């Protein structure tokens, strides 16, 4: 339990930031799952799903919800899976 005024304020801030980050991460996971499913099914909406996922990852990285290199890695893997699925379709 925080005893100082500044520590109590910091605790309140931590709770708000954690809730905000949890919401962003949850939404990001759902969008990534949908994009991966679209790529696996080779659906016509795979391009837009991957683009949406990349935008969401960039936003999460800019808000420090996840590290920038992790976002880049996830985007790279998603794009390479999309490219591979397009190549196998041809």
Protein backbone atom coordinates (compact mmCIF):
# COMPACT_ATOMS: atom_id res chain seq x y z
CA UNK A 1 0.00 0.00 0.00
CA UNK A 2 1.34 3.38 -0.98
CA UNK A 3 1.93 5.71 1.97
CA UNK A 4 3.03 8.92 0.24
CA UNK A 5 0.83 11.20 -1.80
CA UNK A 6 3.02 10.87 -4.87
CA UNK A 7 3.04 7.08 -4.59
CA UNK A 8 -0.75 7.02 -4.32
CA UNK A 9 -1.05 9.16 -7.43
CA UNK A 10 1.39 6.93 -9.29
CA UNK A 11 -0.70 3.90 -8.31
CA UNK A 12 -3.86 5.54 -9.69
CA UNK A 13 -2.05 6.34 -12.92
CA UNK A 14 -0.77 2.78 -13.18
CA UNK A 15 -4.29 1.39 -12.89
CA UNK A 16 -5.60 3.66 -15.66
CA UNK A 17 -2.66 3.01 -17.98
CA UNK A 18 -2.89 -0.75 -17.43
CA UNK A 19 -6.59 -0.76 -18.30
CA UNK A 20 -5.97 1.29 -21.45
CA UNK A 21 -3.11 -0.96 -22.56
CA UNK A 22 -5.16 -4.08 -21.86
CA UNK A 23 -7.94 -2.80 -24.12
CA UNK A 24 -5.51 -2.00 -26.95
CA UNK A 25 -3.77 -5.38 -26.64
CA UNK A 26 -7.06 -7.25 -26.64
CA UNK A 27 -8.27 -5.45 -29.76
CA UNK A 28 -4.88 -5.98 -31.41
CA UNK A 29 -4.96 -9.73 -30.71
CA UNK A 30 -8.43 -10.02 -32.23
CA UNK A 31 -7.42 -8.16 -35.37
CA UNK A 32 -4.26 -10.26 -35.71
CA UNK A 33 -6.26 -13.46 -35.29
CA UNK A 34 -8.71 -12.35 -38.00
CA UNK A 35 -5.86 -11.41 -40.35
CA UNK A 36 -4.09 -14.73 -39.84
CA UNK A 37 -7.35 -16.60 -40.47
CA UNK A 38 -7.99 -14.61 -43.66
CA UNK A 39 -4.48 -15.39 -44.92
CA UNK A 40 -4.83 -19.08 -44.06
CA UNK A 41 -8.18 -19.29 -45.88
CA UNK A 42 -6.73 -17.35 -48.83
CA UNK A 43 -9.82 -15.15 -48.80
CA UNK A 44 -10.26 -12.03 -50.91
CA UNK A 45 -10.27 -9.84 -47.81
CA UNK A 46 -6.82 -11.00 -46.70
CA UNK A 47 -5.11 -7.89 -48.09
CA UNK A 48 -7.35 -5.49 -46.22
CA UNK A 49 -7.20 -7.59 -43.04
CA UNK A 50 -3.39 -7.56 -43.10
CA UNK A 51 -3.36 -3.81 -43.78
CA UNK A 52 -5.70 -3.22 -40.82
CA UNK A 53 -3.50 -5.40 -38.61
CA UNK A 54 -0.37 -3.50 -39.64
CA UNK A 55 -2.02 -0.17 -38.83
CA UNK A 56 -3.12 -1.50 -35.44
CA UNK A 57 0.38 -2.78 -34.68
CA UNK A 58 1.88 0.60 -35.59
CA UNK A 59 -0.58 2.38 -33.32
CA UNK A 60 0.15 0.01 -30.43
CA UNK A 61 3.89 0.51 -30.91
CA UNK A 62 3.54 4.29 -31.03
CA UNK A 63 1.58 4.23 -27.76
CA UNK A 64 4.26 2.04 -26.13
CA UNK A 65 1.77 -0.80 -25.62
CA UNK A 66 4.26 -3.18 -27.19
CA UNK A 67 7.87 -2.78 -28.28
CA UNK A 68 8.46 -1.34 -31.75
CA UNK A 69 10.68 -4.23 -32.82
CA UNK A 70 8.02 -6.76 -31.81
CA UNK A 71 5.45 -4.87 -33.87
CA UNK A 72 7.84 -4.87 -36.83
CA UNK A 73 8.47 -8.58 -36.43
CA UNK A 74 4.75 -9.39 -36.30
CA UNK A 75 4.07 -7.21 -39.35
CA UNK A 76 6.91 -8.82 -41.27
CA UNK A 77 5.72 -12.34 -40.51
CA UNK A 78 2.15 -11.47 -41.43
CA UNK A 79 3.22 -9.91 -44.73
CA UNK A 80 5.43 -12.89 -45.58
CA UNK A 81 2.58 -15.32 -44.90
CA UNK A 82 0.32 -13.23 -47.14
CA UNK A 83 2.93 -13.19 -49.89
CA UNK A 84 3.46 -16.95 -49.62
CA UNK A 85 -0.26 -17.63 -49.81
CA UNK A 86 -0.53 -15.47 -52.94
CA UNK A 87 2.39 -17.31 -54.55
CA UNK A 88 0.88 -20.72 -53.83
CA UNK A 89 -2.48 -19.60 -55.27
CA UNK A 90 -0.91 -18.82 -58.63
